[in-house]
Amino acid sequence: EQYFARLQRFIDFLDRLHIPVFVCEEAYPNKIYRNDIRPMRDYPFTQVGQAAWVRDNLRFLSNNRNVIGAFYWAPDLFDRSPNTPKGLNYGLFLTDSQIAPAMEEFRMNLGE
């Protein structure tokens, strides 16, 4: 079953219980870091795939009245950062001063 459909079922369940949703520690990789993990359909482990997932995820969450917020896990990690475990590529930066394309997707609600 598709990721957003499963997430919607869970959000709907919590809504019936009158429990608001705050999504914690979500993230999507921008490159393959382990061979045993497969990308979601339509979201390859690339900078473009990560940006597409962030865009679709933000759109999905902002269209759910029961979602009150979300937190992107470790956006400051990048491949060569001293604090990043080898190969872990969930961050929204390419270097300590260059953002990944996915970071631009957070501008979607700024009204520009």
PDB file of N, CA and C in Angstrom:
ATOM      1  N   GLU A   1       0.846  -1.192   0.000  1.00  0.00           N
ATOM      2  CA  GLU A   1       0.000   0.000   0.000  1.00  0.00           C
ATOM      3  C   GLU A   1       0.885   1.247   0.000  1.00  0.00           C
ATOM      4  N   GLN A   2       0.422   2.259  -0.662  1.00  0.00           N
ATOM      5  CA  GLN A   2       1.180   3.499  -0.821  1.00  0.00           C
ATOM      6  C   GLN A   2       1.338   4.226   0.520  1.00  0.00           C
ATOM      7  N   TYR A   3       2.495   4.847   0.708  1.00  0.00           N
ATOM      8  CA  TYR A   3       2.852   5.508   1.968  1.00  0.00           C
ATOM      9  C   TYR A   3       1.799   6.504   2.440  1.00  0.00           C
ATOM     10  N   PHE A   4       1.405   7.415   1.571  1.00  0.00           N
ATOM     11  CA  PHE A   4       0.470   8.460   1.999  1.00  0.00           C
ATOM     12  C   PHE A   4      -0.910   7.895   2.322  1.00  0.00           C
ATOM     13  N   ALA A   5      -1.307   6.824   1.668  1.00  0.00           N
ATOM     14  CA  ALA A   5      -2.589   6.176   1.986  1.00  0.00           C
ATOM     15  C   ALA A   5      -2.533   5.560   3.393  1.00  0.00           C
ATOM     16  N   ARG A   6      -1.428   4.905   3.715  1.00  0.00           N
ATOM     17  CA  ARG A   6      -1.278   4.330   5.065  1.00  0.00           C
ATOM     18  C   ARG A   6      -1.257   5.429   6.124  1.00  0.00           C
ATOM     19  N   LEU A   7      -0.536   6.497   5.839  1.00  0.00           N
ATOM     20  CA  LEU A   7      -0.461   7.603   6.788  1.00  0.00           C
ATOM     21  C   LEU A   7      -1.834   8.247   6.963  1.00  0.00           C
ATOM     22  N   GLN A   8      -2.585   8.381   5.891  1.00  0.00           N
ATOM     23  CA  GLN A   8      -3.928   8.963   5.973  1.00  0.00           C
ATOM     24  C   GLN A   8      -4.834   8.103   6.849  1.00  0.00           C
ATOM     25  N   ARG A   9      -4.751   6.785   6.709  1.00  0.00           N
ATOM     26  CA  ARG A   9      -5.576   5.903   7.548  1.00  0.00           C
ATOM     27  C   ARG A   9      -5.257   6.114   9.024  1.00  0.00           C
ATOM     28  N   PHE A  10      -3.983   6.248   9.343  1.00  0.00           N
ATOM     29  CA  PHE A  10      -3.588   6.455  10.736  1.00  0.00           C
ATOM     30  C   PHE A  10      -4.060   7.820  11.242  1.00  0.00           C
ATOM     31  N   ILE A  11      -3.901   8.856  10.439  1.00  0.00           N
ATOM     32  CA  ILE A  11      -4.371  10.195  10.820  1.00  0.00           C
ATOM     33  C   ILE A  11      -5.886  10.195  11.016  1.00  0.00           C
ATOM     34  N   ASP A  12      -6.616   9.527  10.140  1.00  0.00           N
ATOM     35  CA  ASP A  12      -8.076   9.429  10.273  1.00  0.00           C
ATOM     36  C   ASP A  12      -8.469   8.708  11.562  1.00  0.00           C
ATOM     37  N   PHE A  13      -7.740   7.659  11.898  1.00  0.00           N
ATOM     38  CA  PHE A  13      -7.992   6.924  13.142  1.00  0.00           C
ATOM     39  C   PHE A  13      -7.813   7.849  14.343  1.00  0.00           C
ATOM     40  N   LEU A  14      -6.727   8.584  14.376  1.00  0.00           N
ATOM     41  CA  LEU A  14      -6.486   9.504  15.485  1.00  0.00           C
ATOM     42  C   LEU A  14      -7.513  10.629  15.509  1.00  0.00           C
ATOM     43  N   ASP A  15      -7.957  11.073  14.346  1.00  0.00           N
ATOM     44  CA  ASP A  15      -8.981  12.110  14.269  1.00  0.00           C
ATOM     45  C   ASP A  15     -10.285  11.630  14.915  1.00  0.00           C
ATOM     46  N   ARG A  16     -10.649  10.368  14.658  1.00  0.00           N
ATOM     47  CA  ARG A  16     -11.878   9.820  15.276  1.00  0.00           C
ATOM     48  C   ARG A  16     -11.762   9.778  16.793  1.00  0.00           C
ATOM     49  N   LEU A  17     -10.544   9.690  17.301  1.00  0.00           N
ATOM     50  CA  LEU A  17     -10.324   9.703  18.749  1.00  0.00           C
ATOM     51  C   LEU A  17     -10.111  11.120  19.285  1.00  0.00           C
ATOM     52  N   HIS A  18     -10.209  12.111  18.393  1.00  0.00           N
ATOM     53  CA  HIS A  18     -10.001  13.527  18.744  1.00  0.00           C
ATOM     54  C   HIS A  18      -8.577  13.781  19.249  1.00  0.00           C
ATOM     55  N   ILE A  19      -7.616  13.113  18.617  1.00  0.00           N
ATOM     56  CA  ILE A  19      -6.205  13.284  18.967  1.00  0.00           C
ATOM     57  C   ILE A  19      -5.514  14.001  17.813  1.00  0.00           C
ATOM     58  N   PRO A  20      -5.021  15.207  18.045  1.00  0.00           N
ATOM     59  CA  PRO A  20      -4.294  15.909  16.979  1.00  0.00           C
ATOM     60  C   PRO A  20      -2.962  15.224  16.690  1.00  0.00           C
ATOM     61  N   VAL A  21      -2.458  15.426  15.489  1.00  0.00           N
ATOM     62  CA  VAL A  21      -1.245  14.756  15.032  1.00  0.00           C
ATOM     63  C   VAL A  21      -0.113  15.769  14.873  1.00  0.00           C
ATOM     64  N   PHE A  22       1.016  15.449  15.474  1.00  0.00           N
ATOM     65  CA  PHE A  22       2.263  16.161  15.222  1.00  0.00           C
ATOM     66  C   PHE A  22       3.247  15.106  14.747  1.00  0.00           C
ATOM     67  N   VAL A  23       3.686  15.206  13.499  1.00  0.00           N
ATOM     68  CA  VAL A  23       4.587  14.213  12.920  1.00  0.00           C
ATOM     69  C   VAL A  23       6.015  14.538  13.360  1.00  0.00           C
ATOM     70  N   CYS A  24       6.637  13.598  14.043  1.00  0.00           N
ATOM     71  CA  CYS A  24       7.991  13.804  14.575  1.00  0.00           C
ATOM     72  C   CYS A  24       9.028  13.003  13.792  1.00  0.00           C
ATOM     73  N   GLU A  25      10.175  13.596  13.620  1.00  0.00           N
ATOM     74  CA  GLU A  25      11.342  12.936  13.059  1.00  0.00           C
ATOM     75  C   GLU A  25      11.070  12.252  11.727  1.00  0.00           C
ATOM     76  N   GLU A  26      10.514  12.993  10.797  1.00  0.00           N
ATOM     77  CA  GLU A  26      10.361  12.470   9.449  1.00  0.00           C
ATOM     78  C   GLU A  26      11.519  12.959   8.603  1.00  0.00           C
ATOM     79  N   ALA A  27      11.898  12.173   7.605  1.00  0.00           N
ATOM     80  CA  ALA A  27      12.989  12.543   6.716  1.00  0.00           C
ATOM     81  C   ALA A  27      12.993  11.577   5.537  1.00  0.00           C
ATOM     82  N   TYR A  28      13.700  11.967   4.475  1.00  0.00           N
ATOM     83  CA  TYR A  28      13.835  11.099   3.302  1.00  0.00           C
ATOM     84  C   TYR A  28      15.243  11.283   2.736  1.00  0.00           C
ATOM     85  N   PRO A  29      15.931  10.170   2.420  1.00  0.00           N
ATOM     86  CA  PRO A  29      17.317  10.280   1.958  1.00  0.00           C
ATOM     87  C   PRO A  29      17.454  10.851   0.550  1.00  0.00           C
ATOM     88  N   ASN A  30      18.601  11.479   0.305  1.00  0.00           N
ATOM     89  CA  ASN A  30      18.867  12.023  -1.030  1.00  0.00           C
ATOM     90  C   ASN A  30      19.925  11.219  -1.782  1.00  0.00           C
ATOM     91  N   LYS A  31      20.348  10.097  -1.201  1.00  0.00           N
ATOM     92  CA  LYS A  31      21.193   9.141  -1.927  1.00  0.00           C
ATOM     93  C   LYS A  31      21.143   7.804  -1.198  1.00  0.00           C
ATOM     94  N   ILE A  32      21.466   6.753  -1.921  1.00  0.00           N
ATOM     95  CA  ILE A  32      21.457   5.410  -1.335  1.00  0.00           C
ATOM     96  C   ILE A  32      22.530   5.346  -0.257  1.00  0.00           C
ATOM     97  N   TYR A  33      22.163   4.839   0.906  1.00  0.00           N
ATOM     98  CA  TYR A  33      23.170   4.697   1.953  1.00  0.00           C
ATOM     99  C   TYR A  33      23.238   3.274   2.497  1.00  0.00           C
ATOM    100  N   ARG A  34      22.228   2.463   2.215  1.00  0.00           N
ATOM    101  CA  ARG A  34      22.255   1.044   2.587  1.00  0.00           C
ATOM    102  C   ARG A  34      21.568   0.262   1.479  1.00  0.00           C
ATOM    103  N   ASN A  35      22.148  -0.854   1.098  1.00  0.00           N
ATOM    104  CA  ASN A  35      21.591  -1.645   0.001  1.00  0.00           C
ATOM    105  C   ASN A  35      20.303  -2.368   0.368  1.00  0.00           C
ATOM    106  N   ASP A  36      20.007  -2.525   1.661  1.00  0.00           N
ATOM    107  CA  ASP A  36      18.808  -3.250   2.064  1.00  0.00           C
ATOM    108  C   ASP A  36      17.582  -2.333   2.212  1.00  0.00           C
ATOM    109  N   ILE A  37      17.730  -1.055   1.951  1.00  0.00           N
ATOM    110  CA  ILE A  37      16.605  -0.120   2.016  1.00  0.00           C
ATOM    111  C   ILE A  37      16.257   0.318   0.603  1.00  0.00           C
ATOM    112  N   ARG A  38      15.000   0.224   0.256  1.00  0.00           N
ATOM    113  CA  ARG A  38      14.533   0.558  -1.089  1.00  0.00           C
ATOM    114  C   ARG A  38      13.773   1.891  -1.058  1.00  0.00           C
ATOM    115  N   PRO A  39      13.913   2.681  -2.109  1.00  0.00           N
ATOM    116  CA  PRO A  39      13.155   3.939  -2.167  1.00  0.00           C
ATOM    117  C   PRO A  39      11.667   3.685  -2.382  1.00  0.00           C
ATOM    118  N   MET A  40      10.865   4.640  -1.982  1.00  0.00           N
ATOM    119  CA  MET A  40       9.432   4.585  -2.280  1.00  0.00           C
ATOM    120  C   MET A  40       9.243   4.778  -3.781  1.00  0.00           C
ATOM    121  N   ARG A  41       8.179   4.196  -4.297  1.00  0.00           N
ATOM    122  CA  ARG A  41       7.857   4.403  -5.706  1.00  0.00           C
ATOM    123  C   ARG A  41       7.675   5.906  -5.935  1.00  0.00           C
ATOM    124  N   ASP A  42       8.196   6.400  -6.990  1.00  0.00           N
ATOM    125  CA  ASP A  42       8.133   7.818  -7.379  1.00  0.00           C
ATOM    126  C   ASP A  42       9.112   8.722  -6.622  1.00  0.00           C
ATOM    127  N   TYR A  43       9.873   8.164  -5.680  1.00  0.00           N
ATOM    128  CA  TYR A  43      10.809   8.980  -4.904  1.00  0.00           C
ATOM    129  C   TYR A  43      12.174   8.285  -4.832  1.00  0.00           C
ATOM    130  N   PRO A  44      12.961   8.376  -5.896  1.00  0.00           N
ATOM    131  CA  PRO A  44      14.282   7.741  -5.861  1.00  0.00           C
ATOM    132  C   PRO A  44      15.175   8.409  -4.811  1.00  0.00           C
ATOM    133  N   PHE A  45      16.191   7.692  -4.381  1.00  0.00           N
ATOM    134  CA  PHE A  45      17.147   8.243  -3.425  1.00  0.00           C
ATOM    135  C   PHE A  45      18.123   9.149  -4.166  1.00  0.00           C
ATOM    136  N   THR A  46      17.612  10.306  -4.586  1.00  0.00           N
ATOM    137  CA  THR A  46      18.394  11.330  -5.275  1.00  0.00           C
ATOM    138  C   THR A  46      17.976  12.672  -4.703  1.00  0.00           C
ATOM    139  N   GLN A  47      18.687  13.730  -5.068  1.00  0.00           N
ATOM    140  CA  GLN A  47      18.270  15.068  -4.633  1.00  0.00           C
ATOM    141  C   GLN A  47      16.888  15.417  -5.176  1.00  0.00           C
ATOM    142  N   VAL A  48      16.619  15.036  -6.410  1.00  0.00           N
ATOM    143  CA  VAL A  48      15.301  15.295  -7.012  1.00  0.00           C
ATOM    144  C   VAL A  48      14.223  14.472  -6.316  1.00  0.00           C
ATOM    145  N   GLY A  49      14.520  13.206  -6.032  1.00  0.00           N
ATOM    146  CA  GLY A  49      13.560  12.346  -5.343  1.00  0.00           C
ATOM    147  C   GLY A  49      13.254  12.832  -3.939  1.00  0.00           C
ATOM    148  N   GLN A  50      14.285  13.267  -3.229  1.00  0.00           N
ATOM    149  CA  GLN A  50      14.085  13.816  -1.887  1.00  0.00           C
ATOM    150  C   GLN A  50      13.218  15.071  -1.947  1.00  0.00           C
ATOM    151  N   ALA A  51      13.489  15.954  -2.892  1.00  0.00           N
ATOM    152  CA  ALA A  51      12.701  17.187  -3.032  1.00  0.00           C
ATOM    153  C   ALA A  51      11.248  16.857  -3.359  1.00  0.00           C
ATOM    154  N   ALA A  52      11.017  15.874  -4.222  1.00  0.00           N
ATOM    155  CA  ALA A  52       9.648  15.484  -4.575  1.00  0.00           C
ATOM    156  C   ALA A  52       8.918  14.931  -3.354  1.00  0.00           C
ATOM    157  N   TRP A  53       9.615  14.106  -2.551  1.00  0.00           N
ATOM    158  CA  TRP A  53       8.981  13.573  -1.348  1.00  0.00           C
ATOM    159  C   TRP A  53       8.664  14.691  -0.357  1.00  0.00           C
ATOM    160  N   VAL A  54       9.597  15.597  -0.141  1.00  0.00           N
ATOM    161  CA  VAL A  54       9.357  16.709   0.779  1.00  0.00           C
ATOM    162  C   VAL A  54       8.162  17.529   0.301  1.00  0.00           C
ATOM    163  N   ARG A  55       8.120  17.867  -0.994  1.00  0.00           N
ATOM    164  CA  ARG A  55       7.001  18.640  -1.543  1.00  0.00           C
ATOM    165  C   ARG A  55       5.675  17.917  -1.329  1.00  0.00           C
ATOM    166  N   ASP A  56       5.615  16.644  -1.718  1.00  0.00           N
ATOM    167  CA  ASP A  56       4.359  15.895  -1.596  1.00  0.00           C
ATOM    168  C   ASP A  56       3.986  15.676  -0.138  1.00  0.00           C
ATOM    169  N   ASN A  57       4.967  15.452   0.714  1.00  0.00           N
ATOM    170  CA  ASN A  57       4.697  15.261   2.132  1.00  0.00           C
ATOM    171  C   ASN A  57       4.165  16.542   2.773  1.00  0.00           C
ATOM    172  N   LEU A  58       4.795  17.678   2.482  1.00  0.00           N
ATOM    173  CA  LEU A  58       4.303  18.950   3.030  1.00  0.00           C
ATOM    174  C   LEU A  58       2.888  19.253   2.542  1.00  0.00           C
ATOM    175  N   ARG A  59       2.642  19.009   1.274  1.00  0.00           N
ATOM    176  CA  ARG A  59       1.298  19.223   0.724  1.00  0.00           C
ATOM    177  C   ARG A  59       0.289  18.307   1.405  1.00  0.00           C
ATOM    178  N   PHE A  60       0.637  17.036   1.562  1.00  0.00           N
ATOM    179  CA  PHE A  60      -0.233  16.067   2.220  1.00  0.00           C
ATOM    180  C   PHE A  60      -0.546  16.505   3.651  1.00  0.00           C
ATOM    181  N   LEU A  61       0.486  16.828   4.412  1.00  0.00           N
ATOM    182  CA  LEU A  61       0.280  17.201   5.812  1.00  0.00           C
ATOM    183  C   LEU A  61      -0.515  18.493   5.949  1.00  0.00           C
ATOM    184  N   SER A  62      -0.237  19.476   5.098  1.00  0.00           N
ATOM    185  CA  SER A  62      -0.940  20.764   5.221  1.00  0.00           C
ATOM    186  C   SER A  62      -2.400  20.663   4.790  1.00  0.00           C
ATOM    187  N   ASN A  63      -2.769  19.614   4.084  1.00  0.00           N
ATOM    188  CA  ASN A  63      -4.162  19.408   3.681  1.00  0.00           C
ATOM    189  C   ASN A  63      -4.934  18.530   4.654  1.00  0.00           C
ATOM    190  N   ASN A  64      -4.356  18.196   5.788  1.00  0.00           N
ATOM    191  CA  ASN A  64      -5.021  17.401   6.818  1.00  0.00           C
ATOM    192  C   ASN A  64      -5.338  18.290   8.005  1.00  0.00           C
ATOM    193  N   ARG A  65      -6.597  18.490   8.265  1.00  0.00           N
ATOM    194  CA  ARG A  65      -7.016  19.399   9.343  1.00  0.00           C
ATOM    195  C   ARG A  65      -6.577  18.916  10.720  1.00  0.00           C
ATOM    196  N   ASN A  66      -6.326  17.612  10.872  1.00  0.00           N
ATOM    197  CA  ASN A  66      -5.938  17.076  12.169  1.00  0.00           C
ATOM    198  C   ASN A  66      -4.429  17.119  12.408  1.00  0.00           C
ATOM    199  N   VAL A  67      -3.649  17.492  11.402  1.00  0.00           N
ATOM    200  CA  VAL A  67      -2.195  17.608  11.566  1.00  0.00           C
ATOM    201  C   VAL A  67      -1.874  19.018  12.030  1.00  0.00           C
ATOM    202  N   ILE A  68      -1.215  19.104  13.178  1.00  0.00           N
ATOM    203  CA  ILE A  68      -0.914  20.423  13.743  1.00  0.00           C
ATOM    204  C   ILE A  68       0.548  20.828  13.546  1.00  0.00           C
ATOM    205  N   GLY A  69       1.379  19.901  13.028  1.00  0.00           N
ATOM    206  CA  GLY A  69       2.763  20.249  12.785  1.00  0.00           C
ATOM    207  C   GLY A  69       3.595  19.045  12.391  1.00  0.00           C
ATOM    208  N   ALA A  70       4.825  19.326  12.023  1.00  0.00           N
ATOM    209  CA  ALA A  70       5.761  18.271  11.639  1.00  0.00           C
ATOM    210  C   ALA A  70       7.179  18.756  11.909  1.00  0.00           C
ATOM    211  N   PHE A  71       8.072  17.812  12.122  1.00  0.00           N
ATOM    212  CA  PHE A  71       9.465  18.108  12.400  1.00  0.00           C
ATOM    213  C   PHE A  71      10.324  17.253  11.481  1.00  0.00           C
ATOM    214  N   TYR A  72      11.139  17.884  10.651  1.00  0.00           N
ATOM    215  CA  TYR A  72      12.045  17.161   9.766  1.00  0.00           C
ATOM    216  C   TYR A  72      13.295  16.808  10.559  1.00  0.00           C
ATOM    217  N   TRP A  73      13.603  15.519  10.639  1.00  0.00           N
ATOM    218  CA  TRP A  73      14.718  15.032  11.443  1.00  0.00           C
ATOM    219  C   TRP A  73      16.059  15.433  10.846  1.00  0.00           C
ATOM    220  N   ALA A  74      16.891  16.042  11.632  1.00  0.00           N
ATOM    221  CA  ALA A  74      18.282  16.361  11.322  1.00  0.00           C
ATOM    222  C   ALA A  74      18.481  17.021   9.958  1.00  0.00           C
ATOM    223  N   PRO A  75      17.823  18.130   9.703  1.00  0.00           N
ATOM    224  CA  PRO A  75      17.979  18.784   8.403  1.00  0.00           C
ATOM    225  C   PRO A  75      19.394  19.296   8.164  1.00  0.00           C
ATOM    226  N   ASP A  76      20.164  19.480   9.237  1.00  0.00           N
ATOM    227  CA  ASP A  76      21.505  20.044   9.110  1.00  0.00           C
ATOM    228  C   ASP A  76      22.581  19.020   8.762  1.00  0.00           C
ATOM    229  N   LEU A  77      22.227  17.736   8.667  1.00  0.00           N
ATOM    230  CA  LEU A  77      23.218  16.727   8.287  1.00  0.00           C
ATOM    231  C   LEU A  77      23.537  16.805   6.805  1.00  0.00           C
ATOM    232  N   PHE A  78      24.776  16.591   6.476  1.00  0.00           N
ATOM    233  CA  PHE A  78      25.167  16.446   5.077  1.00  0.00           C
ATOM    234  C   PHE A  78      26.309  15.443   5.020  1.00  0.00           C
ATOM    235  N   ASP A  79      26.563  14.925   3.863  1.00  0.00           N
ATOM    236  CA  ASP A  79      27.440  13.769   3.683  1.00  0.00           C
ATOM    237  C   ASP A  79      28.820  13.921   4.308  1.00  0.00           C
ATOM    238  N   ARG A  80      29.414  15.089   4.256  1.00  0.00           N
ATOM    239  CA  ARG A  80      30.776  15.262   4.768  1.00  0.00           C
ATOM    240  C   ARG A  80      30.826  15.979   6.117  1.00  0.00           C
ATOM    241  N   SER A  81      29.679  16.125   6.743  1.00  0.00           N
ATOM    242  CA  SER A  81      29.658  16.751   8.059  1.00  0.00           C
ATOM    243  C   SER A  81      30.315  15.831   9.089  1.00  0.00           C
ATOM    244  N   PRO A  82      31.102  16.366  10.018  1.00  0.00           N
ATOM    245  CA  PRO A  82      31.746  15.502  11.013  1.00  0.00           C
ATOM    246  C   PRO A  82      30.751  14.786  11.929  1.00  0.00           C
ATOM    247  N   ASN A  83      29.537  15.308  12.051  1.00  0.00           N
ATOM    248  CA  ASN A  83      28.533  14.704  12.929  1.00  0.00           C
ATOM    249  C   ASN A  83      27.634  13.709  12.212  1.00  0.00           C
ATOM    250  N   THR A  84      27.838  13.494  10.927  1.00  0.00           N
ATOM    251  CA  THR A  84      26.978  12.611  10.155  1.00  0.00           C
ATOM    252  C   THR A  84      27.580  11.215  10.074  1.00  0.00           C
ATOM    253  N   PRO A  85      26.830  10.198  10.519  1.00  0.00           N
ATOM    254  CA  PRO A  85      27.319   8.831  10.334  1.00  0.00           C
ATOM    255  C   PRO A  85      27.579   8.562   8.856  1.00  0.00           C
ATOM    256  N   LYS A  86      28.600   7.796   8.555  1.00  0.00           N
ATOM    257  CA  LYS A  86      29.005   7.538   7.168  1.00  0.00           C
ATOM    258  C   LYS A  86      27.819   7.047   6.333  1.00  0.00           C
ATOM    259  N   GLY A  87      27.571   7.781   5.254  1.00  0.00           N
ATOM    260  CA  GLY A  87      26.538   7.379   4.302  1.00  0.00           C
ATOM    261  C   GLY A  87      25.128   7.802   4.635  1.00  0.00           C
ATOM    262  N   LEU A  88      24.896   8.398   5.777  1.00  0.00           N
ATOM    263  CA  LEU A  88      23.544   8.806   6.146  1.00  0.00           C
ATOM    264  C   LEU A  88      23.231  10.135   5.471  1.00  0.00           C
ATOM    265  N   ASN A  89      22.247  10.154   4.595  1.00  0.00           N
ATOM    266  CA  ASN A  89      22.017  11.323   3.746  1.00  0.00           C
ATOM    267  C   ASN A  89      20.562  11.785   3.774  1.00  0.00           C
ATOM    268  N   TYR A  90      20.049  12.062   4.947  1.00  0.00           N
ATOM    269  CA  TYR A  90      18.687  12.557   5.092  1.00  0.00           C
ATOM    270  C   TYR A  90      18.625  14.082   5.137  1.00  0.00           C
ATOM    271  N   GLY A  91      19.726  14.721   5.338  1.00  0.00           N
ATOM    272  CA  GLY A  91      19.756  16.156   5.560  1.00  0.00           C
ATOM    273  C   GLY A  91      19.308  16.976   4.371  1.00  0.00           C
ATOM    274  N   LEU A  92      19.128  18.263   4.612  1.00  0.00           N
ATOM    275  CA  LEU A  92      18.652  19.204   3.605  1.00  0.00           C
ATOM    276  C   LEU A  92      19.757  20.158   3.160  1.00  0.00           C
ATOM    277  N   PHE A  93      20.996  19.784   3.437  1.00  0.00           N
ATOM    278  CA  PHE A  93      22.155  20.566   3.020  1.00  0.00           C
ATOM    279  C   PHE A  93      23.105  19.683   2.230  1.00  0.00           C
ATOM    280  N   LEU A  94      23.780  20.274   1.250  1.00  0.00           N
ATOM    281  CA  LEU A  94      24.800  19.562   0.482  1.00  0.00           C
ATOM    282  C   LEU A  94      26.185  19.808   1.073  1.00  0.00           C
ATOM    283  N   THR A  95      26.372  21.002   1.635  1.00  0.00           N
ATOM    284  CA  THR A  95      27.592  21.373   2.349  1.00  0.00           C
ATOM    285  C   THR A  95      27.169  22.215   3.536  1.00  0.00           C
ATOM    286  N   ASP A  96      28.125  22.737   4.272  1.00  0.00           N
ATOM    287  CA  ASP A  96      27.762  23.566   5.429  1.00  0.00           C
ATOM    288  C   ASP A  96      27.161  24.912   5.029  1.00  0.00           C
ATOM    289  N   SER A  97      27.174  25.244   3.732  1.00  0.00           N
ATOM    290  CA  SER A  97      26.602  26.522   3.296  1.00  0.00           C
ATOM    291  C   SER A  97      25.705  26.413   2.060  1.00  0.00           C
ATOM    292  N   GLN A  98      25.504  25.220   1.540  1.00  0.00           N
ATOM    293  CA  GLN A  98      24.687  25.040   0.329  1.00  0.00           C
ATOM    294  C   GLN A  98      23.507  24.131   0.642  1.00  0.00           C
ATOM    295  N   ILE A  99      22.286  24.629   0.370  1.00  0.00           N
ATOM    296  CA  ILE A  99      21.098  23.830   0.640  1.00  0.00           C
ATOM    297  C   ILE A  99      20.853  22.827  -0.487  1.00  0.00           C
ATOM    298  N   ALA A 100      20.205  21.735  -0.135  1.00  0.00           N
ATOM    299  CA  ALA A 100      19.764  20.745  -1.114  1.00  0.00           C
ATOM    300  C   ALA A 100      18.458  21.242  -1.734  1.00  0.00           C
ATOM    301  N   PRO A 101      18.103  20.770  -2.926  1.00  0.00           N
ATOM    302  CA  PRO A 101      16.842  21.191  -3.555  1.00  0.00           C
ATOM    303  C   PRO A 101      15.618  20.977  -2.659  1.00  0.00           C
ATOM    304  N   ALA A 102      15.649  19.965  -1.815  1.00  0.00           N
ATOM    305  CA  ALA A 102      14.503  19.693  -0.943  1.00  0.00           C
ATOM    306  C   ALA A 102      14.220  20.850   0.011  1.00  0.00           C
ATOM    307  N   MET A 103      15.254  21.584   0.422  1.00  0.00           N
ATOM    308  CA  MET A 103      15.052  22.707   1.340  1.00  0.00           C
ATOM    309  C   MET A 103      14.170  23.779   0.706  1.00  0.00           C
ATOM    310  N   GLU A 104      14.286  23.966  -0.598  1.00  0.00           N
ATOM    311  CA  GLU A 104      13.447  24.946  -1.291  1.00  0.00           C
ATOM    312  C   GLU A 104      11.955  24.646  -1.153  1.00  0.00           C
ATOM    313  N   GLU A 105      11.615  23.375  -0.971  1.00  0.00           N
ATOM    314  CA  GLU A 105      10.198  22.993  -0.869  1.00  0.00           C
ATOM    315  C   GLU A 105       9.539  23.553   0.372  1.00  0.00           C
ATOM    316  N   PHE A 106      10.323  23.889   1.380  1.00  0.00           N
ATOM    317  CA  PHE A 106       9.739  24.463   2.597  1.00  0.00           C
ATOM    318  C   PHE A 106       9.249  25.889   2.394  1.00  0.00           C
ATOM    319  N   ARG A 107       9.539  26.466   1.244  1.00  0.00           N
ATOM    320  CA  ARG A 107       9.060  27.800   0.927  1.00  0.00           C
ATOM    321  C   ARG A 107       7.609  27.783   0.426  1.00  0.00           C
ATOM    322  N   MET A 108       7.041  26.611   0.210  1.00  0.00           N
ATOM    323  CA  MET A 108       5.732  26.486  -0.435  1.00  0.00           C
ATOM    324  C   MET A 108       4.616  27.258   0.271  1.00  0.00           C
ATOM    325  N   ASN A 109       4.690  27.433   1.559  1.00  0.00           N
ATOM    326  CA  ASN A 109       3.622  28.109   2.296  1.00  0.00           C
ATOM    327  C   ASN A 109       3.943  29.557   2.627  1.00  0.00           C
ATOM    328  N   LEU A 110       4.955  30.108   2.000  1.00  0.00           N
ATOM    329  CA  LEU A 110       5.340  31.485   2.301  1.00  0.00           C
ATOM    330  C   LEU A 110       4.526  32.516   1.533  1.00  0.00           C
ATOM    331  N   GLY A 111       3.757  32.067   0.551  1.00  0.00           N
ATOM    332  CA  GLY A 111       2.915  32.990  -0.202  1.00  0.00           C
ATOM    333  C   GLY A 111       3.658  33.797  -1.249  1.00  0.00           C
ATOM    334  N   GLU A 112       4.812  33.316  -1.662  1.00  0.00           N
ATOM    335  CA  GLU A 112       5.589  34.048  -2.665  1.00  0.00           C
ATOM    336  C   GLU A 112       5.214  33.591  -4.053  1.00  0.00           C
TER     337      GLU A 112
END
